[in-house]
């Protein structure tokens, strides 16, 4: 098998190919809409930073509050049908915002209301979409599929804002929203066209009380799941605040402008894409050693970025930093998915999503305040040191469980990774 065939082997699966094709189109539109939405809010509010913060919070808050319930729905119902409904809903919200904008009727409260509604649907979409990956591909291909999902996400993160910037300058924000609405057709069409007979479906969980708590307790009792989830929570909270830390260092230390800050963001995104593709090349089940080592390397690199003597050195260091963090997140994601039994996988991935996304709004103000009080480099140094401690703490916990051995069961009827003591 060639390297390319190995890297993209999940795409030989028709269902996954349809899913990935739709995702890259839709996610490009989604990233474009984020840029256009922020620009529109600034225009409507007279360049108010408070308004920008409000619209971000309204879109993000439902994910924190409702994502665990989204995991329950993922375990109860047909994931493909749920995704079709959610994607249609998201497309209609983008269409509504686009029509309001191009007709000149849009007001700030419209953006607030539609952003909150989008956040509600995202709270359902993320855990369902994460757990649906394991139904599209054979268990032994799951690590590759998760890595390709990350590659798709980061490709869209690079292309979407660039396309949106050109579109905003030429035709305005409204047409970006309308373009995003059209992009949902691709993902919905892909989901509808799937061969349901080829899906690795599991029996739906019956409705019962305490199912959210059951998912949390399931992770709490499993050190092979708890350690990756806890590490993701710590690193997501204190290490992944580059939008705050890089902006402060670029502006206050190096005197760089917005375009130079964009270069730093692109360098990190490029490294993230490379990290996702490198992860996709790996064969076999993920290794806990990779999880711990990538977290440690990421922490050390973030410290190095914080100590960078020049802007150019900082930009160069951000590329391997992106590689390290994507290696960590894809390994953690795969370990958690394979380690979860199918009947509870939706709830486990919802918890994973919650700690991964929920840490940033908690950590960003803390890191920002410390950087403002103690110096712009402090945020990066503190974040990196915390990641190093998280890696060492994870290793210590696992070694305390003497005789711990991770075993991958990829071809059994209920594929999973579990520990034996």
Protein backbone atom coordinates (compact mmCIF):
# COMPACT_ATOMS: atom_id res chain seq x y z
CA UNK A 1 0.00 0.00 0.00
CA UNK A 2 1.38 3.43 -0.93
CA UNK A 3 1.70 6.20 1.62
CA UNK A 4 -1.13 8.11 0.00
CA UNK A 5 -3.38 5.08 -0.03
CA UNK A 6 -2.57 4.55 3.63
CA UNK A 7 -3.23 8.15 4.57
CA UNK A 8 -6.61 8.29 2.83
CA UNK A 9 -7.65 4.65 3.17
CA UNK A 10 -10.98 5.44 4.86
CA UNK A 11 -12.07 7.18 1.66
CA UNK A 12 -12.31 3.77 -0.01
CA UNK A 13 -15.46 3.36 2.08
CA UNK A 14 -18.35 4.80 0.05
CA UNK A 15 -20.35 6.00 3.05
CA UNK A 16 -17.37 7.75 4.61
CA UNK A 17 -16.41 9.24 1.25
CA UNK A 18 -19.88 10.78 0.92
CA UNK A 19 -19.69 12.08 4.47
CA UNK A 20 -16.18 13.57 4.12
CA UNK A 21 -17.01 15.21 0.78
CA UNK A 22 -20.08 16.88 2.22
CA UNK A 23 -18.22 17.93 5.35
CA UNK A 24 -15.39 19.73 3.57
CA UNK A 25 -17.89 21.76 1.52
CA UNK A 26 -20.13 22.51 4.50
CA UNK A 27 -17.31 23.30 6.94
CA UNK A 28 -15.74 25.69 4.45
CA UNK A 29 -19.05 27.52 4.37
CA UNK A 30 -19.31 27.42 8.16
CA UNK A 31 -15.87 28.98 8.68
CA UNK A 32 -16.74 31.59 6.07
CA UNK A 33 -19.96 32.42 7.92
CA UNK A 34 -18.07 32.89 11.20
CA UNK A 35 -15.92 35.57 9.61
CA UNK A 36 -18.88 37.24 7.88
CA UNK A 37 -20.98 37.12 11.05
CA UNK A 38 -18.29 38.87 13.10
CA UNK A 39 -17.92 41.51 10.39
CA UNK A 40 -21.69 42.06 10.22
CA UNK A 41 -21.94 42.42 14.00
CA UNK A 42 -19.21 45.07 13.98
CA UNK A 43 -21.03 46.94 11.20
CA UNK A 44 -24.39 46.81 12.98
CA UNK A 45 -23.02 47.71 16.41
CA UNK A 46 -20.60 50.47 15.46
CA UNK A 47 -17.50 48.32 16.05
CA UNK A 48 -18.60 47.18 19.51
CA UNK A 49 -16.35 44.56 21.08
CA UNK A 50 -19.09 43.86 23.62
CA UNK A 51 -21.56 42.99 20.85
CA UNK A 52 -18.98 40.67 19.32
CA UNK A 53 -18.53 38.94 22.66
CA UNK A 54 -22.29 38.62 23.14
CA UNK A 55 -22.87 36.93 19.78
CA UNK A 56 -20.00 34.51 20.43
CA UNK A 57 -21.38 33.66 23.87
CA UNK A 58 -24.90 33.16 22.52
CA UNK A 59 -23.61 30.70 19.92
CA UNK A 60 -21.37 28.87 22.37
CA UNK A 61 -23.48 28.72 25.55
CA UNK A 62 -25.99 26.12 24.26
CA UNK A 63 -23.11 23.76 23.44
CA UNK A 64 -22.04 23.85 27.10
CA UNK A 65 -25.55 23.41 28.45
CA UNK A 66 -27.07 20.96 25.98
CA UNK A 67 -24.27 18.84 24.50
CA UNK A 68 -24.64 16.08 27.12
CA UNK A 69 -28.31 15.78 26.15
CA UNK A 70 -27.18 15.63 22.54
CA UNK A 71 -25.13 12.60 23.50
CA UNK A 72 -28.23 10.95 24.98
CA UNK A 73 -30.10 11.50 21.71
CA UNK A 74 -27.16 10.03 19.79
CA UNK A 75 -27.45 6.82 21.82
CA UNK A 76 -31.26 6.67 21.59
CA UNK A 77 -31.94 7.41 17.93
CA UNK A 78 -30.67 6.82 14.41
CA UNK A 79 -27.59 9.04 14.13
CA UNK A 80 -27.79 9.51 10.37
CA UNK A 81 -31.40 10.76 10.53
CA UNK A 82 -30.56 13.05 13.43
CA UNK A 83 -27.71 14.55 11.42
CA UNK A 84 -29.93 15.11 8.39
CA UNK A 85 -32.45 17.01 10.52
CA UNK A 86 -29.80 19.10 12.27
CA UNK A 87 -27.97 19.98 9.05
CA UNK A 88 -31.22 21.04 7.37
CA UNK A 89 -31.96 23.25 10.37
CA UNK A 90 -28.52 24.86 10.24
CA UNK A 91 -28.90 25.50 6.52
CA UNK A 92 -32.26 27.21 7.07
CA UNK A 93 -30.74 29.48 9.75
CA UNK A 94 -27.94 30.50 7.37
CA UNK A 95 -30.53 31.13 4.65
CA UNK A 96 -32.61 33.33 6.97
CA UNK A 97 -29.61 35.43 7.98
CA UNK A 98 -28.50 35.75 4.36
CA UNK A 99 -31.92 36.90 3.18
CA UNK A 100 -32.22 39.42 6.02
CA UNK A 101 -28.78 40.79 5.15
CA UNK A 102 -29.08 41.08 1.37
CA UNK A 103 -32.50 42.74 1.67
CA UNK A 104 -31.16 45.29 4.14
CA UNK A 105 -33.61 44.25 6.86
CA UNK A 106 -31.07 42.69 9.25
CA UNK A 107 -30.77 44.08 12.77
CA UNK A 108 -28.41 43.17 15.57
CA UNK A 109 -31.06 41.24 17.49
CA UNK A 110 -31.65 39.09 14.42
CA UNK A 111 -28.00 38.01 14.52
CA UNK A 112 -28.24 37.33 18.25
CA UNK A 113 -31.36 35.17 17.89
CA UNK A 114 -30.07 33.21 14.91
CA UNK A 115 -26.67 32.67 16.57
CA UNK A 116 -28.33 31.26 19.68
CA UNK A 117 -30.48 28.96 17.54
CA UNK A 118 -27.39 27.80 15.68
CA UNK A 119 -25.72 27.05 19.00
CA UNK A 120 -28.67 24.88 20.05
CA UNK A 121 -28.39 22.83 16.86
CA UNK A 122 -24.59 22.62 17.24
CA UNK A 123 -25.07 21.17 20.72
CA UNK A 124 -26.92 18.28 19.07
CA UNK A 125 -24.72 18.08 15.98
CA UNK A 126 -21.27 17.70 17.52
CA UNK A 127 -21.74 14.60 19.73
CA UNK A 128 -23.93 12.89 17.10
CA UNK A 129 -21.42 13.59 14.32
CA UNK A 130 -18.47 12.49 16.46
CA UNK A 131 -20.06 9.16 17.40
CA UNK A 132 -21.45 8.57 13.89
CA UNK A 133 -17.91 8.14 12.52
CA UNK A 134 -17.64 4.75 14.21
CA UNK A 135 -20.79 3.61 12.36
CA UNK A 136 -19.47 4.49 8.91
CA UNK A 137 -16.12 2.68 8.89
CA UNK A 138 -14.82 -0.67 10.06
CA UNK A 139 -13.41 -0.51 13.60
CA UNK A 140 -9.81 -0.93 12.43
CA UNK A 141 -10.23 2.15 10.20
CA UNK A 142 -11.57 4.41 12.95
CA UNK A 143 -8.20 6.03 13.84
CA UNK A 144 -7.69 6.94 10.18
CA UNK A 145 -11.24 8.30 9.83
CA UNK A 146 -10.89 10.47 12.96
CA UNK A 147 -7.60 11.87 11.64
CA UNK A 148 -9.12 12.63 8.24
CA UNK A 149 -11.99 14.42 9.99
CA UNK A 150 -9.40 16.65 11.67
CA UNK A 151 -7.69 17.23 8.31
CA UNK A 152 -11.03 18.20 6.78
CA UNK A 153 -11.76 20.59 9.65
CA UNK A 154 -8.38 22.31 9.39
CA UNK A 155 -8.50 22.52 5.58
CA UNK A 156 -11.84 24.28 5.86
CA UNK A 157 -10.44 26.54 8.58
CA UNK A 158 -7.75 27.70 6.18
CA UNK A 159 -9.88 28.02 3.02
CA UNK A 160 -13.20 29.27 4.47
CA UNK A 161 -12.03 32.56 6.02
CA UNK A 162 -9.89 33.35 2.98
CA UNK A 163 -12.82 32.86 0.59
CA UNK A 164 -15.11 34.81 2.93
CA UNK A 165 -12.69 37.73 3.08
CA UNK A 166 -12.69 38.07 -0.70
CA UNK A 167 -16.48 37.64 -0.88
CA UNK A 168 -17.16 40.25 1.81
CA UNK A 169 -14.99 42.76 -0.01
CA UNK A 170 -16.67 42.14 -3.38
CA UNK A 171 -20.34 41.23 -2.78
CA UNK A 172 -20.94 41.72 0.96
CA UNK A 173 -21.61 39.54 4.00
CA UNK A 174 -25.13 38.49 2.98
CA UNK A 175 -23.92 36.41 0.04
CA UNK A 176 -21.47 34.59 2.31
CA UNK A 177 -24.40 33.48 4.50
CA UNK A 178 -26.36 32.40 1.42
CA UNK A 179 -23.33 30.49 0.15
CA UNK A 180 -23.10 28.70 3.49
CA UNK A 181 -26.78 27.79 3.28
CA UNK A 182 -26.17 26.19 -0.12
CA UNK A 183 -23.14 24.32 1.25
CA UNK A 184 -25.40 22.31 3.58
CA UNK A 185 -26.96 20.71 0.51
CA UNK A 186 -23.70 18.77 0.02
CA UNK A 187 -23.64 17.21 3.48
CA UNK A 188 -27.38 16.44 3.50
CA UNK A 189 -27.18 14.86 0.05
CA UNK A 190 -24.24 12.73 1.20
CA UNK A 191 -26.09 11.51 4.27
CA UNK A 192 -29.22 10.67 2.29
CA UNK A 193 -27.21 8.81 -0.38
CA UNK A 194 -25.49 6.50 2.12
CA UNK A 195 -26.04 2.76 1.98
CA UNK A 196 -27.65 2.10 5.33
CA UNK A 197 -26.99 -1.64 5.01
CA UNK A 198 -23.23 -0.89 5.15
CA UNK A 199 -23.42 1.09 8.41
CA UNK A 200 -22.12 -0.52 11.63
CA UNK A 201 -25.21 0.34 13.62
CA UNK A 202 -25.81 -0.49 17.25
CA UNK A 203 -29.11 -1.13 18.98
CA UNK A 204 -30.66 2.12 20.26
CA UNK A 205 -30.75 2.69 24.00
CA UNK A 206 -34.23 2.71 25.52
CA UNK A 207 -35.45 5.89 27.19
CA UNK A 208 -34.71 5.86 30.93
CA UNK A 209 -34.00 8.23 33.78
CA UNK A 210 -30.45 9.22 34.65
CA UNK A 211 -28.87 8.54 31.27
CA UNK A 212 -26.71 11.66 31.35
CA UNK A 213 -25.41 10.68 34.78
CA UNK A 214 -24.86 7.14 33.55
CA UNK A 215 -22.53 8.42 30.82
CA UNK A 216 -20.52 10.51 33.29
CA UNK A 217 -20.26 7.60 35.75
CA UNK A 218 -19.17 5.31 32.93
CA UNK A 219 -16.17 7.56 32.19
CA UNK A 220 -15.41 8.09 35.88
CA UNK A 221 -15.09 4.32 36.46
CA UNK A 222 -12.79 3.82 33.48
CA UNK A 223 -9.22 5.13 33.91
CA UNK A 224 -8.49 4.43 30.24
CA UNK A 225 -11.20 6.99 29.37
CA UNK A 226 -10.89 9.31 32.35
CA UNK A 227 -7.21 10.10 31.80
CA UNK A 228 -7.59 11.25 28.15
CA UNK A 229 -10.76 13.20 28.95
CA UNK A 230 -9.11 14.89 31.95
CA UNK A 231 -6.01 15.74 29.90
CA UNK A 232 -8.17 17.22 27.14
CA UNK A 233 -9.99 19.31 29.76
CA UNK A 234 -6.77 20.73 31.23
CA UNK A 235 -4.99 21.29 27.94
CA UNK A 236 -8.10 22.74 26.30
CA UNK A 237 -8.60 25.15 29.19
CA UNK A 238 -5.06 26.46 29.62
CA UNK A 239 -3.07 25.46 26.54
CA UNK A 240 -5.40 26.16 23.62
CA UNK A 241 -5.86 29.91 23.98
CA UNK A 242 -3.75 30.97 21.03
CA UNK A 243 -6.24 33.57 19.80
CA UNK A 244 -5.60 35.48 23.03
CA UNK A 245 -1.94 34.70 23.71
CA UNK A 246 -0.61 35.00 20.15
CA UNK A 247 -2.49 38.26 19.58
CA UNK A 248 -0.98 39.82 22.71
CA UNK A 249 2.58 38.73 21.95
CA UNK A 250 2.35 39.68 18.26
CA UNK A 251 1.03 43.15 19.01
CA UNK A 252 2.77 44.11 22.26
CA UNK A 253 6.14 42.33 21.93
CA UNK A 254 6.76 42.42 18.18
CA UNK A 255 4.58 45.40 17.22
CA UNK A 256 2.87 43.33 14.52
CA UNK A 257 -0.42 44.27 12.85
CA UNK A 258 -3.50 42.29 11.95
CA UNK A 259 -1.98 40.81 8.79
CA UNK A 260 1.03 39.52 10.71
CA UNK A 261 -1.24 38.02 13.35
CA UNK A 262 -3.08 36.30 10.52
CA UNK A 263 0.26 34.81 9.42
CA UNK A 264 0.75 33.31 12.88
CA UNK A 265 -2.76 31.84 12.80
CA UNK A 266 -2.07 30.35 9.37
CA UNK A 267 1.21 28.82 10.58
CA UNK A 268 -0.60 27.10 13.46
CA UNK A 269 -3.40 25.93 11.14
CA UNK A 270 -0.85 24.59 8.65
CA UNK A 271 0.83 22.59 11.41
CA UNK A 272 -2.55 21.32 12.57
CA UNK A 273 -3.38 20.11 9.07
CA UNK A 274 0.00 18.40 8.79
CA UNK A 275 -0.52 16.78 12.20
CA UNK A 276 -3.90 15.42 11.13
CA UNK A 277 -2.47 13.94 7.92
CA UNK A 278 0.48 12.40 9.78
CA UNK A 279 -1.95 10.84 12.25
CA UNK A 280 -3.94 9.44 9.33
CA UNK A 281 -0.83 7.60 8.08
CA UNK A 282 -0.60 5.52 11.24
CA UNK A 283 -1.92 1.99 11.18
CA UNK A 284 -3.23 -0.02 14.09
CA UNK A 285 -4.91 1.17 17.27
CA UNK A 286 -3.78 4.39 18.98
CA UNK A 287 -1.22 4.14 21.75
CA UNK A 288 -1.41 5.78 25.14
CA UNK A 289 2.29 6.56 24.85
CA UNK A 290 1.50 8.73 21.80
CA UNK A 291 -1.13 10.60 23.83
CA UNK A 292 1.27 11.35 26.68
CA UNK A 293 4.27 12.16 24.49
CA UNK A 294 2.36 14.48 22.16
CA UNK A 295 0.92 16.39 25.14
CA UNK A 296 4.41 16.76 26.60
CA UNK A 297 5.91 17.93 23.30
CA UNK A 298 3.05 20.37 22.77
CA UNK A 299 3.62 21.89 26.19
CA UNK A 300 7.36 22.28 25.60
CA UNK A 301 6.77 23.82 22.17
CA UNK A 302 4.23 26.27 23.58
CA UNK A 303 6.84 27.37 26.12
CA UNK A 304 9.35 27.76 23.27
CA UNK A 305 6.81 29.88 21.33
CA UNK A 306 6.44 32.08 24.41
CA UNK A 307 10.21 32.55 24.59
CA UNK A 308 10.68 33.14 20.83
CA UNK A 309 13.17 36.00 20.36
CA UNK A 310 11.76 37.17 17.02
CA UNK A 311 8.48 37.16 15.14
CA UNK A 312 9.92 34.86 12.45
CA UNK A 313 11.07 32.29 15.02
CA UNK A 314 7.63 32.36 16.62
CA UNK A 315 5.93 31.73 13.26
CA UNK A 316 8.25 28.80 12.49
CA UNK A 317 7.74 27.23 15.93
CA UNK A 318 3.96 27.36 15.54
CA UNK A 319 4.06 24.79 12.73
CA UNK A 320 5.42 21.90 14.88
CA UNK A 321 3.21 23.17 17.71
CA UNK A 322 0.17 22.61 15.48
CA UNK A 323 1.44 19.14 14.59
CA UNK A 324 1.85 18.22 18.26
CA UNK A 325 -1.55 19.46 19.39
CA UNK A 326 -3.41 17.73 16.54
CA UNK A 327 -1.55 14.50 17.27
CA UNK A 328 -2.70 14.80 20.87
CA UNK A 329 -6.34 15.61 20.11
CA UNK A 330 -6.79 12.96 17.41
CA UNK A 331 -5.17 10.31 19.63
CA UNK A 332 -7.38 11.28 22.57
CA UNK A 333 -10.50 11.29 20.40
CA UNK A 334 -9.74 7.84 18.96
CA UNK A 335 -8.85 6.32 22.32
CA UNK A 336 -12.11 7.58 23.81
CA UNK A 337 -14.22 6.38 20.86
CA UNK A 338 -12.65 2.93 20.73
CA UNK A 339 -12.65 2.66 24.49
CA UNK A 340 -16.40 3.33 24.77
CA UNK A 341 -18.89 0.55 24.30
CA UNK A 342 -21.39 1.34 21.54
CA UNK A 343 -24.44 1.73 23.80
CA UNK A 344 -22.87 4.70 25.62
CA UNK A 345 -20.54 6.13 22.95
CA UNK A 346 -22.74 9.13 22.15
CA UNK A 347 -22.79 10.25 25.77
CA UNK A 348 -19.06 9.68 26.20
CA UNK A 349 -18.28 11.73 23.09
CA UNK A 350 -20.65 14.43 24.34
CA UNK A 351 -18.65 14.63 27.57
CA UNK A 352 -15.42 14.72 25.55
CA UNK A 353 -16.84 17.55 23.43
CA UNK A 354 -18.00 19.43 26.51
CA UNK A 355 -14.60 19.45 28.21
CA UNK A 356 -12.80 20.18 24.94
CA UNK A 357 -14.96 23.14 23.94
CA UNK A 358 -15.94 24.24 27.41
CA UNK A 359 -12.43 24.87 28.67
CA UNK A 360 -11.65 27.76 26.35
CA UNK A 361 -14.21 30.30 27.67
CA UNK A 362 -13.05 29.45 31.19
CA UNK A 363 -9.33 29.55 30.55
CA UNK A 364 -9.15 32.42 28.06
CA UNK A 365 -10.15 35.19 30.52
CA UNK A 366 -7.76 33.80 33.16
CA UNK A 367 -4.85 33.54 30.74
CA UNK A 368 -5.70 36.95 29.28
CA UNK A 369 -5.80 38.60 32.70
CA UNK A 370 -2.48 37.07 33.75
CA UNK A 371 -0.88 38.11 30.45
CA UNK A 372 -2.14 41.67 30.94
CA UNK A 373 -0.89 41.83 34.52
CA UNK A 374 2.44 39.99 34.20
CA UNK A 375 3.38 40.42 30.56
CA UNK A 376 2.16 39.14 27.19
CA UNK A 377 4.51 36.12 27.11
CA UNK A 378 3.19 34.79 30.43
CA UNK A 379 0.03 33.33 28.88
CA UNK A 380 2.01 31.11 26.52
CA UNK A 381 4.52 30.11 29.19
CA UNK A 382 1.84 29.28 31.73
CA UNK A 383 -0.24 27.39 29.16
CA UNK A 384 2.75 25.35 28.05
CA UNK A 385 3.80 24.55 31.62
CA UNK A 386 0.26 23.40 32.43
CA UNK A 387 0.29 21.06 29.41
CA UNK A 388 3.60 19.57 30.53
CA UNK A 389 2.15 18.97 34.00
CA UNK A 390 -0.97 17.40 32.47
CA UNK A 391 1.20 14.96 30.48
CA UNK A 392 3.30 14.06 33.51
CA UNK A 393 0.19 13.75 35.68
CA UNK A 394 -1.48 11.44 33.17
CA UNK A 395 1.63 9.27 33.02
CA UNK A 396 1.81 9.16 36.84
CA UNK A 397 -1.83 8.10 37.19
CA UNK A 398 -1.45 5.32 34.64
CA UNK A 399 1.76 4.01 36.16
CA UNK A 400 0.12 3.97 39.58
CA UNK A 401 -2.23 1.36 38.19
CA UNK A 402 0.41 -1.33 38.29
CA UNK A 403 0.22 -3.89 35.57
CA UNK A 404 -2.00 -1.68 33.45
CA UNK A 405 -2.27 -2.95 29.91
CA UNK A 406 -4.34 -1.45 27.12
CA UNK A 407 -5.87 -3.96 24.78
CA UNK A 408 -7.49 -3.06 21.47
CA UNK A 409 -10.39 -5.21 20.33
CA UNK A 410 -11.03 -3.96 16.82
CA UNK A 411 -12.71 -6.88 15.13
CA UNK A 412 -15.01 -8.15 17.83
CA UNK A 413 -18.75 -7.61 17.71
CA UNK A 414 -18.37 -4.75 20.15
CA UNK A 415 -15.00 -3.14 19.24
CA UNK A 416 -13.32 -1.20 22.02
CA UNK A 417 -10.11 -0.53 23.88
CA UNK A 418 -10.04 -1.45 27.52
CA UNK A 419 -7.56 -1.94 30.35
CA UNK A 420 -6.59 -4.95 32.32
CA UNK A 421 -4.94 -4.63 35.71
